[in-house]
Structures are given as C-alpha cells and as structure tokens.
Amino acid sequence: AQQGLTPVLCTQTAGGVTESEYVDLLLEQQVAGVVFAGGAYAQRDADHAHYDRLAARNLPVVLINAAIDDLPFPRVVCDDADAMEQAAEHLLALGHERIGLVLGPRDHVPSERKLAAFQAVCERAGVPFDDALVVRSLYSLQSGQASAARLIEQGATGILCASDPLALGAVRAVRRARLSTPGDVSVIGYDDSAFMASADPPLTTIRQPIEAMGRAAVDFLVSQIDGTLGPVDELLFEPELVVRRSTGAARHRAKS
C-alpha cells in the first residue's frame, strides 16, 4: 500500500481454493505481481505448472523462503541452515546427544536444508546421527504431538521442531508421557510466533526477521514491476535463537 499498490490476500484452507486456482483468478484480474508466502514451490514433488504459467507471462513474482531450483523467481529466505546450527549447538552445549527432529515432508526444501545442517553439526561435534530420530510431519500442533511422542519413545532428550505449533505439540507430548519440559525433554520451535513467550513453559525458538523479509519481498516485487531489478536468486536473512525456558541441561533417559 505504501508503494501505491492495492494488496489482495489469498489464503488457503483444507478443501478450499487451490493455489493453482488462485493463480488463474489473479491472472484474470490482471494483477501487477504476486508474492508467495508459502506454496508448492517449496516441495520438489508437487505440481508446479501454475508457476510455469506465471513465468510464461513474465509476471513479477517473489517467493518467501526456500524453493526448488527450477523456478526463475527471486526468493527472500530465512537461512534454514544457520537456524538449525544455532538450535542444535544450543542443545549440544546443554549436554543433549539424542536430539530428535520434527521436519516437513521429505521433498520439502527448507526441511532438506535443516536436516543437512543438523547432520553437519553432529559430524563436527562427534555426535552420532540417528535417522530414527528424524520424523516427517504436517505443520500442525496435533502432528507435532504425534511426532514428538515417537521421538520420546526413541529416548530423545531434545526435540528441534520446524515450526512453533509443532513445538507446542511436542511439549504436549512430553506431558502426556508424564515427563517435563525442560526437565526431561527440551523443545525448540521455529518462527517466534505471537505469544510464544507466554507459552507454558515459554518456548525457546528461532526468530525469523519477518518485517525485514516482508519489506525485501515488496521491494523485489516493485523493482520487477518497474523493470529495475537486476539478477537476484536468493536473498538470505539471518535468524536469531531466542532462548526461553523450554530448554535446559540434558537428563539422560533410556528408550521406552
């Protein structure tokens, strides 16, 4: 709006209008450009035909967060590898060795980056990587709870989650197992969503610089509309580990 454009927000819900249908609708309305804040571009095995339609029309497009390599659009990305390094090193410094991961689907690019970074941290620290401690999940509290329950059964003393709702689900799973956070199992989220400081316990999480990323995405879009944007592939933003009370020193446990 500050740039003289009229923003139109398209939101997806289960069983509602699809991303592809929204693209068709926006093309019919002759929009000046599109910013995607989530979508099939982050998954390798998804249908990407609607992005091809946008590219064929040379419509200005910006993607927020990591995407598959084949798309010709600039991306504004929180550094997933750096985020995972900060979170994993925090837990290792607290004495955790059995660290579980709750990630998105196998073809999800941000999750791929997080996993690769975690494996690299483990290798540098001399901590064995256990594939049984990696669980793939949907991005919901309920899915986080189910995934974390599996990790707790595997003896995880720390759980790194790819979103804050997943982390809240993990905390619930710890309670259901009659354990405590962080006394028995430490939990780290991702995003620093609203009210995470008010969770019980307050959630240690990775903060994305949302405002700066949003401004960059709009700047990229407007520069494309004006024809002034030079070559851009991916603009990385540095995340910040926000330490609260959901992480603490490791208490080693046997597998259930």
C-alpha atoms as a PDB file:
ATOM      1  CA  ALA A   1       0.000   0.000   0.000  1.00  0.00           C
ATOM      2  CA  GLN A   2       2.902   2.372   0.774  1.00  0.00           C
ATOM      3  CA  GLN A   3       4.175   1.736  -2.749  1.00  0.00           C
ATOM      4  CA  GLY A   4       0.839   2.743  -4.284  1.00  0.00           C
ATOM      5  CA  LEU A   5      -0.355  -0.806  -4.884  1.00  0.00           C
ATOM      6  CA  THR A   6      -3.579  -2.405  -3.680  1.00  0.00           C
ATOM      7  CA  PRO A   7      -2.798  -5.632  -1.809  1.00  0.00           C
ATOM      8  CA  VAL A   8      -5.064  -8.655  -2.259  1.00  0.00           C
ATOM      9  CA  LEU A   9      -4.607 -11.526   0.208  1.00  0.00           C
ATOM     10  CA  CYS A  10      -5.319 -15.089  -0.934  1.00  0.00           C
ATOM     11  CA  THR A  11      -5.366 -17.651   1.870  1.00  0.00           C
ATOM     12  CA  GLN A  12      -5.541 -21.423   1.598  1.00  0.00           C
ATOM     13  CA  THR A  13      -7.589 -23.753   3.749  1.00  0.00           C
ATOM     14  CA  ALA A  14      -8.002 -27.502   3.545  1.00  0.00           C
ATOM     15  CA  GLY A  15     -10.524 -28.302   0.836  1.00  0.00           C
ATOM     16  CA  GLY A  16     -10.738 -24.662  -0.271  1.00  0.00           C
ATOM     17  CA  VAL A  17      -9.459 -22.800  -3.316  1.00  0.00           C
ATOM     18  CA  THR A  18      -6.196 -24.306  -4.551  1.00  0.00           C
ATOM     19  CA  GLU A  19      -3.011 -22.416  -5.237  1.00  0.00           C
ATOM     20  CA  SER A  20      -3.364 -23.112  -8.961  1.00  0.00           C
ATOM     21  CA  GLU A  21      -6.951 -21.799  -8.964  1.00  0.00           C
ATOM     22  CA  TYR A  22      -5.832 -18.639  -7.172  1.00  0.00           C
ATOM     23  CA  VAL A  23      -3.164 -18.080  -9.830  1.00  0.00           C
ATOM     24  CA  ASP A  24      -5.784 -18.372 -12.583  1.00  0.00           C
ATOM     25  CA  LEU A  25      -8.014 -15.910 -10.726  1.00  0.00           C
ATOM     26  CA  LEU A  26      -5.178 -13.407 -10.261  1.00  0.00           C
ATOM     27  CA  LEU A  27      -4.187 -13.655 -13.922  1.00  0.00           C
ATOM     28  CA  GLU A  28      -7.807 -12.972 -14.916  1.00  0.00           C
ATOM     29  CA  GLN A  29      -7.733  -9.867 -12.706  1.00  0.00           C
ATOM     30  CA  GLN A  30      -4.508  -8.728 -14.415  1.00  0.00           C
ATOM     31  CA  VAL A  31      -2.612  -8.226 -11.171  1.00  0.00           C
ATOM     32  CA  ALA A  32       0.716  -6.392 -11.287  1.00  0.00           C
ATOM     33  CA  GLY A  33       2.566  -9.166  -9.461  1.00  0.00           C
ATOM     34  CA  VAL A  34       2.391 -11.909  -6.833  1.00  0.00           C
ATOM     35  CA  VAL A  35       4.237 -12.571  -3.571  1.00  0.00           C
ATOM     36  CA  PHE A  36       4.003 -16.172  -2.386  1.00  0.00           C
ATOM     37  CA  ALA A  37       4.428 -16.617   1.376  1.00  0.00           C
ATOM     38  CA  GLY A  38       4.039 -20.380   1.137  1.00  0.00           C
ATOM     39  CA  GLY A  39       3.150 -22.905  -1.506  1.00  0.00           C
ATOM     40  CA  ALA A  40       4.064 -25.819  -3.718  1.00  0.00           C
ATOM     41  CA  TYR A  41       7.320 -24.130  -4.753  1.00  0.00           C
ATOM     42  CA  ALA A  42       8.913 -25.472  -1.542  1.00  0.00           C
ATOM     43  CA  GLN A  43       8.126 -29.113  -2.416  1.00  0.00           C
ATOM     44  CA  ARG A  44      10.033 -30.944  -5.147  1.00  0.00           C
ATOM     45  CA  ASP A  45       7.311 -33.491  -5.938  1.00  0.00           C
ATOM     46  CA  ALA A  46       4.394 -31.045  -6.116  1.00  0.00           C
ATOM     47  CA  ASP A  47       2.694 -29.791  -9.291  1.00  0.00           C
ATOM     48  CA  HIS A  48       4.439 -26.598 -10.421  1.00  0.00           C
ATOM     49  CA  ALA A  49       2.504 -25.940 -13.637  1.00  0.00           C
ATOM     50  CA  HIS A  50       0.910 -22.745 -12.292  1.00  0.00           C
ATOM     51  CA  TYR A  51       4.372 -21.253 -11.722  1.00  0.00           C
ATOM     52  CA  ASP A  52       5.199 -22.018 -15.353  1.00  0.00           C
ATOM     53  CA  ARG A  53       2.100 -20.031 -16.369  1.00  0.00           C
ATOM     54  CA  LEU A  54       3.332 -17.048 -14.360  1.00  0.00           C
ATOM     55  CA  ALA A  55       6.830 -17.297 -15.816  1.00  0.00           C
ATOM     56  CA  ALA A  56       5.463 -17.582 -19.371  1.00  0.00           C
ATOM     57  CA  ARG A  57       3.649 -14.258 -18.881  1.00  0.00           C
ATOM     58  CA  ASN A  58       6.728 -12.630 -17.313  1.00  0.00           C
ATOM     59  CA  LEU A  59       4.576 -11.602 -14.365  1.00  0.00           C
ATOM     60  CA  PRO A  60       6.607 -10.225 -11.442  1.00  0.00           C
ATOM     61  CA  VAL A  61       6.776 -12.890  -8.713  1.00  0.00           C
ATOM     62  CA  VAL A  62       8.634 -13.142  -5.393  1.00  0.00           C
ATOM     63  CA  LEU A  63       8.876 -16.265  -3.239  1.00  0.00           C
ATOM     64  CA  ILE A  64       9.326 -16.142   0.537  1.00  0.00           C
ATOM     65  CA  ASN A  65      11.524 -18.922   1.944  1.00  0.00           C
ATOM     66  CA  ALA A  66      13.375 -21.691   0.143  1.00  0.00           C
ATOM     67  CA  ALA A  67      12.151 -23.094  -3.181  1.00  0.00           C
ATOM     68  CA  ILE A  68      13.108 -25.712  -5.743  1.00  0.00           C
ATOM     69  CA  ASP A  69      15.945 -24.645  -8.029  1.00  0.00           C
ATOM     70  CA  ASP A  70      13.977 -24.735 -11.294  1.00  0.00           C
ATOM     71  CA  LEU A  71      11.836 -21.635 -10.706  1.00  0.00           C
ATOM     72  CA  PRO A  72      13.092 -18.331 -12.173  1.00  0.00           C
ATOM     73  CA  PHE A  73      11.785 -16.085  -9.371  1.00  0.00           C
ATOM     74  CA  PRO A  74      13.742 -14.155  -6.735  1.00  0.00           C
ATOM     75  CA  ARG A  75      13.483 -15.501  -3.187  1.00  0.00           C
ATOM     76  CA  VAL A  76      13.585 -13.900   0.236  1.00  0.00           C
ATOM     77  CA  VAL A  77      14.804 -16.609   2.571  1.00  0.00           C
ATOM     78  CA  CYS A  78      15.489 -17.074   6.256  1.00  0.00           C
ATOM     79  CA  ASP A  79      18.732 -19.084   6.434  1.00  0.00           C
ATOM     80  CA  ASP A  80      17.463 -22.536   7.438  1.00  0.00           C
ATOM     81  CA  ALA A  81      20.971 -23.965   7.776  1.00  0.00           C
ATOM     82  CA  ASP A  82      22.071 -21.194  10.141  1.00  0.00           C
ATOM     83  CA  ALA A  83      18.859 -21.594  12.146  1.00  0.00           C
ATOM     84  CA  MET A  84      19.414 -25.317  12.613  1.00  0.00           C
ATOM     85  CA  GLU A  85      23.073 -24.803  13.513  1.00  0.00           C
ATOM     86  CA  GLN A  86      22.143 -22.331  16.251  1.00  0.00           C
ATOM     87  CA  ALA A  87      19.428 -24.594  17.660  1.00  0.00           C
ATOM     88  CA  ALA A  88      21.480 -27.801  17.514  1.00  0.00           C
ATOM     89  CA  GLU A  89      24.582 -26.212  19.027  1.00  0.00           C
ATOM     90  CA  HIS A  90      22.435 -24.808  21.848  1.00  0.00           C
ATOM     91  CA  LEU A  91      21.179 -28.294  22.733  1.00  0.00           C
ATOM     92  CA  LEU A  92      24.631 -29.859  22.385  1.00  0.00           C
ATOM     93  CA  ALA A  93      26.053 -27.227  24.730  1.00  0.00           C
ATOM     94  CA  LEU A  94      23.399 -28.277  27.260  1.00  0.00           C
ATOM     95  CA  GLY A  95      24.637 -31.862  27.067  1.00  0.00           C
ATOM     96  CA  HIS A  96      21.992 -33.329  24.748  1.00  0.00           C
ATOM     97  CA  GLU A  97      23.167 -36.100  22.434  1.00  0.00           C
ATOM     98  CA  ARG A  98      19.904 -37.796  21.471  1.00  0.00           C
ATOM     99  CA  ILE A  99      18.296 -34.909  19.624  1.00  0.00           C
ATOM    100  CA  GLY A 100      15.128 -35.514  17.613  1.00  0.00           C
ATOM    101  CA  LEU A 101      13.949 -33.530  14.593  1.00  0.00           C
ATOM    102  CA  VAL A 102      10.334 -32.863  13.603  1.00  0.00           C
ATOM    103  CA  LEU A 103      10.513 -31.704   9.981  1.00  0.00           C
ATOM    104  CA  GLY A 104       8.226 -31.252   6.997  1.00  0.00           C
ATOM    105  CA  PRO A 105       7.844 -33.763   4.130  1.00  0.00           C
ATOM    106  CA  ARG A 106      10.905 -35.388   2.533  1.00  0.00           C
ATOM    107  CA  ASP A 107      10.603 -33.235  -0.605  1.00  0.00           C
ATOM    108  CA  HIS A 108      10.284 -30.002   1.408  1.00  0.00           C
ATOM    109  CA  VAL A 109      13.296 -27.812   0.570  1.00  0.00           C
ATOM    110  CA  PRO A 110      13.526 -25.897   3.899  1.00  0.00           C
ATOM    111  CA  SER A 111      13.386 -29.223   5.747  1.00  0.00           C
ATOM    112  CA  GLU A 112      16.102 -30.650   3.485  1.00  0.00           C
ATOM    113  CA  ARG A 113      18.328 -27.715   4.385  1.00  0.00           C
ATOM    114  CA  LYS A 114      17.627 -28.073   8.096  1.00  0.00           C
ATOM    115  CA  LEU A 115      18.430 -31.796   8.033  1.00  0.00           C
ATOM    116  CA  ALA A 116      21.697 -31.316   6.124  1.00  0.00           C
ATOM    117  CA  ALA A 117      22.794 -28.605   8.561  1.00  0.00           C
ATOM    118  CA  PHE A 118      21.926 -30.780  11.566  1.00  0.00           C
ATOM    119  CA  GLN A 119      23.936 -33.683  10.159  1.00  0.00           C
ATOM    120  CA  ALA A 120      26.910 -31.352   9.648  1.00  0.00           C
ATOM    121  CA  VAL A 121      26.686 -30.086  13.238  1.00  0.00           C
ATOM    122  CA  CYS A 122      26.583 -33.656  14.555  1.00  0.00           C
ATOM    123  CA  GLU A 123      29.614 -34.597  12.472  1.00  0.00           C
ATOM    124  CA  ARG A 124      31.616 -31.607  13.727  1.00  0.00           C
ATOM    125  CA  ALA A 125      30.648 -32.372  17.329  1.00  0.00           C
ATOM    126  CA  GLY A 126      31.436 -36.071  17.028  1.00  0.00           C
ATOM    127  CA  VAL A 127      27.849 -36.994  17.926  1.00  0.00           C
ATOM    128  CA  PRO A 128      26.395 -39.989  16.045  1.00  0.00           C
ATOM    129  CA  PHE A 129      23.483 -39.141  13.754  1.00  0.00           C
ATOM    130  CA  ASP A 130      20.497 -41.448  14.247  1.00  0.00           C
ATOM    131  CA  ASP A 131      17.999 -41.485  11.383  1.00  0.00           C
ATOM    132  CA  ALA A 132      15.390 -42.941  13.778  1.00  0.00           C
ATOM    133  CA  LEU A 133      15.320 -39.529  15.468  1.00  0.00           C
ATOM    134  CA  VAL A 134      14.045 -37.764  12.325  1.00  0.00           C
ATOM    135  CA  VAL A 135      10.255 -37.659  11.945  1.00  0.00           C
ATOM    136  CA  ARG A 136       8.360 -36.151   8.998  1.00  0.00           C
ATOM    137  CA  SER A 137       5.235 -34.236   9.896  1.00  0.00           C
ATOM    138  CA  LEU A 138       2.461 -31.922   8.831  1.00  0.00           C
ATOM    139  CA  TYR A 139       2.685 -28.402  10.203  1.00  0.00           C
ATOM    140  CA  SER A 140       0.129 -28.649  12.990  1.00  0.00           C
ATOM    141  CA  LEU A 141       0.049 -28.942  16.762  1.00  0.00           C
ATOM    142  CA  GLN A 142      -1.569 -32.377  16.570  1.00  0.00           C
ATOM    143  CA  SER A 143       1.035 -33.658  14.125  1.00  0.00           C
ATOM    144  CA  GLY A 144       3.790 -32.243  16.320  1.00  0.00           C
ATOM    145  CA  GLN A 145       2.405 -34.098  19.312  1.00  0.00           C
ATOM    146  CA  ALA A 146       2.252 -37.426  17.455  1.00  0.00           C
ATOM    147  CA  SER A 147       5.739 -36.961  16.005  1.00  0.00           C
ATOM    148  CA  ALA A 148       7.285 -35.978  19.331  1.00  0.00           C
ATOM    149  CA  ALA A 149       5.701 -38.987  21.030  1.00  0.00           C
ATOM    150  CA  ARG A 150       7.657 -41.229  18.644  1.00  0.00           C
ATOM    151  CA  LEU A 151      10.870 -39.361  19.421  1.00  0.00           C
ATOM    152  CA  ILE A 152      10.306 -39.633  23.160  1.00  0.00           C
ATOM    153  CA  GLU A 153       9.923 -43.407  22.738  1.00  0.00           C
ATOM    154  CA  GLN A 154      13.328 -43.356  20.996  1.00  0.00           C
ATOM    155  CA  GLY A 155      14.895 -41.706  24.042  1.00  0.00           C
ATOM    156  CA  ALA A 156      15.232 -38.169  22.681  1.00  0.00           C
ATOM    157  CA  THR A 157      16.160 -35.634  25.366  1.00  0.00           C
ATOM    158  CA  GLY A 158      15.915 -32.666  22.992  1.00  0.00           C
ATOM    159  CA  ILE A 159      13.489 -32.017  20.132  1.00  0.00           C
ATOM    160  CA  LEU A 160      14.005 -29.483  17.328  1.00  0.00           C
ATOM    161  CA  CYS A 161      10.799 -28.553  15.508  1.00  0.00           C
ATOM    162  CA  ALA A 162      10.320 -26.878  12.109  1.00  0.00           C
ATOM    163  CA  SER A 163       7.563 -24.578  13.436  1.00  0.00           C
ATOM    164  CA  ASP A 164       6.207 -23.243  16.707  1.00  0.00           C
ATOM    165  CA  PRO A 165       2.890 -25.170  16.501  1.00  0.00           C
ATOM    166  CA  LEU A 166       4.912 -28.370  16.083  1.00  0.00           C
ATOM    167  CA  ALA A 167       6.918 -27.406  19.176  1.00  0.00           C
ATOM    168  CA  LEU A 168       3.767 -26.745  21.203  1.00  0.00           C
ATOM    169  CA  GLY A 169       2.573 -30.199  20.164  1.00  0.00           C
ATOM    170  CA  ALA A 170       5.922 -31.616  21.298  1.00  0.00           C
ATOM    171  CA  VAL A 171       5.518 -30.018  24.733  1.00  0.00           C
ATOM    172  CA  ARG A 172       2.068 -31.602  24.966  1.00  0.00           C
ATOM    173  CA  ALA A 173       3.570 -34.996  24.047  1.00  0.00           C
ATOM    174  CA  VAL A 174       6.156 -34.635  26.797  1.00  0.00           C
ATOM    175  CA  ARG A 175       3.379 -34.025  29.326  1.00  0.00           C
ATOM    176  CA  ARG A 176       1.340 -36.953  28.013  1.00  0.00           C
ATOM    177  CA  ALA A 177       4.408 -39.141  28.617  1.00  0.00           C
ATOM    178  CA  ARG A 178       4.406 -37.898  32.238  1.00  0.00           C
ATOM    179  CA  LEU A 179       7.681 -36.093  31.685  1.00  0.00           C
ATOM    180  CA  SER A 180       8.534 -32.414  31.956  1.00  0.00           C
ATOM    181  CA  THR A 181       9.880 -29.686  29.693  1.00  0.00           C
ATOM    182  CA  PRO A 182      12.734 -28.920  30.051  1.00  0.00           C
ATOM    183  CA  GLY A 183      13.468 -31.243  32.996  1.00  0.00           C
ATOM    184  CA  ASP A 184      13.272 -34.405  30.878  1.00  0.00           C
ATOM    185  CA  VAL A 185      12.926 -33.192  27.296  1.00  0.00           C
ATOM    186  CA  SER A 186      13.984 -29.808  25.889  1.00  0.00           C
ATOM    187  CA  VAL A 187      11.982 -28.390  22.965  1.00  0.00           C
ATOM    188  CA  ILE A 188      12.877 -25.722  20.383  1.00  0.00           C
ATOM    189  CA  GLY A 189      10.441 -24.195  17.883  1.00  0.00           C
ATOM    190  CA  TYR A 190      10.862 -22.137  14.732  1.00  0.00           C
ATOM    191  CA  ASP A 191       9.378 -18.689  13.864  1.00  0.00           C
ATOM    192  CA  ASP A 192       8.929 -16.987  17.271  1.00  0.00           C
ATOM    193  CA  SER A 193       5.212 -16.688  16.619  1.00  0.00           C
ATOM    194  CA  ALA A 194       2.992 -14.423  18.705  1.00  0.00           C
ATOM    195  CA  PHE A 195       2.564 -15.469  22.353  1.00  0.00           C
ATOM    196  CA  MET A 196       5.456 -17.983  22.387  1.00  0.00           C
ATOM    197  CA  ALA A 197       6.901 -16.043  25.330  1.00  0.00           C
ATOM    198  CA  SER A 198       3.597 -16.729  27.116  1.00  0.00           C
ATOM    199  CA  ALA A 199       3.515 -20.471  26.450  1.00  0.00           C
ATOM    200  CA  ASP A 200       3.976 -22.917  29.342  1.00  0.00           C
ATOM    201  CA  PRO A 201       6.919 -23.129  29.512  1.00  0.00           C
ATOM    202  CA  PRO A 202       7.948 -20.063  27.447  1.00  0.00           C
ATOM    203  CA  LEU A 203       9.259 -21.506  24.185  1.00  0.00           C
ATOM    204  CA  THR A 204      12.869 -21.380  23.062  1.00  0.00           C
ATOM    205  CA  THR A 205      12.596 -20.789  19.323  1.00  0.00           C
ATOM    206  CA  ILE A 206      14.236 -19.436  16.189  1.00  0.00           C
ATOM    207  CA  ARG A 207      13.115 -15.913  15.311  1.00  0.00           C
ATOM    208  CA  GLN A 208      12.791 -15.015  11.661  1.00  0.00           C
ATOM    209  CA  PRO A 209      13.219 -11.302  10.784  1.00  0.00           C
ATOM    210  CA  ILE A 210       9.685 -11.163   9.407  1.00  0.00           C
ATOM    211  CA  GLU A 211       9.379  -7.393   8.903  1.00  0.00           C
ATOM    212  CA  ALA A 212      12.704  -7.086   7.093  1.00  0.00           C
ATOM    213  CA  MET A 213      11.896 -10.088   4.911  1.00  0.00           C
ATOM    214  CA  GLY A 214       8.460  -8.676   4.073  1.00  0.00           C
ATOM    215  CA  ARG A 215       9.915  -5.317   3.076  1.00  0.00           C
ATOM    216  CA  ALA A 216      12.532  -7.012   0.916  1.00  0.00           C
ATOM    217  CA  ALA A 217       9.874  -9.091  -0.830  1.00  0.00           C
ATOM    218  CA  VAL A 218       7.829  -5.973  -1.648  1.00  0.00           C
ATOM    219  CA  ASP A 219      10.951  -4.116  -2.813  1.00  0.00           C
ATOM    220  CA  PHE A 220      11.814  -7.018  -5.129  1.00  0.00           C
ATOM    221  CA  LEU A 221       8.271  -7.068  -6.496  1.00  0.00           C
ATOM    222  CA  VAL A 222       8.109  -3.317  -7.120  1.00  0.00           C
ATOM    223  CA  SER A 223      11.552  -3.373  -8.756  1.00  0.00           C
ATOM    224  CA  GLN A 224      10.341  -6.084 -11.135  1.00  0.00           C
ATOM    225  CA  ILE A 225       7.213  -4.077 -11.925  1.00  0.00           C
ATOM    226  CA  ASP A 226       9.368  -1.009 -12.608  1.00  0.00           C
ATOM    227  CA  GLY A 227      11.853  -3.040 -14.638  1.00  0.00           C
ATOM    228  CA  THR A 228      14.767  -2.029 -12.396  1.00  0.00           C
ATOM    229  CA  LEU A 229      15.535  -5.329 -10.640  1.00  0.00           C
ATOM    230  CA  GLY A 230      18.908  -6.810 -11.508  1.00  0.00           C
ATOM    231  CA  PRO A 231      19.810 -10.504 -11.292  1.00  0.00           C
ATOM    232  CA  VAL A 232      18.647 -11.955  -7.956  1.00  0.00           C
ATOM    233  CA  ASP A 233      18.493 -15.584  -6.943  1.00  0.00           C
ATOM    234  CA  GLU A 234      18.174 -15.809  -3.178  1.00  0.00           C
ATOM    235  CA  LEU A 235      18.495 -13.137  -0.508  1.00  0.00           C
ATOM    236  CA  LEU A 236      19.353 -14.770   2.831  1.00  0.00           C
ATOM    237  CA  PHE A 237      18.311 -13.292   6.173  1.00  0.00           C
ATOM    238  CA  GLU A 238      19.938 -14.302   9.435  1.00  0.00           C
ATOM    239  CA  PRO A 239      17.715 -15.918  12.076  1.00  0.00           C
ATOM    240  CA  GLU A 240      18.126 -15.470  15.833  1.00  0.00           C
ATOM    241  CA  LEU A 241      17.906 -18.104  18.558  1.00  0.00           C
ATOM    242  CA  VAL A 242      15.638 -16.806  21.333  1.00  0.00           C
ATOM    243  CA  VAL A 243      16.371 -18.783  24.493  1.00  0.00           C
ATOM    244  CA  ARG A 244      13.491 -19.154  26.932  1.00  0.00           C
ATOM    245  CA  ARG A 245      12.582 -21.828  29.474  1.00  0.00           C
ATOM    246  CA  SER A 246      11.712 -24.813  27.251  1.00  0.00           C
ATOM    247  CA  THR A 247      15.393 -25.824  27.037  1.00  0.00           C
ATOM    248  CA  GLY A 248      17.681 -26.958  29.841  1.00  0.00           C
ATOM    249  CA  ALA A 249      20.504 -29.321  30.743  1.00  0.00           C
ATOM    250  CA  ALA A 250      20.153 -32.873  29.469  1.00  0.00           C
ATOM    251  CA  ARG A 251      18.886 -35.606  31.744  1.00  0.00           C
ATOM    252  CA  HIS A 252      19.797 -38.841  30.003  1.00  0.00           C
ATOM    253  CA  ARG A 253      16.977 -41.350  29.661  1.00  0.00           C
ATOM    254  CA  ALA A 254      16.702 -44.868  28.340  1.00  0.00           C
ATOM    255  CA  LYS A 255      14.400 -45.634  25.423  1.00  0.00           C
ATOM    256  CA  SER A 256      10.851 -46.514  26.401  1.00  0.00           C
END
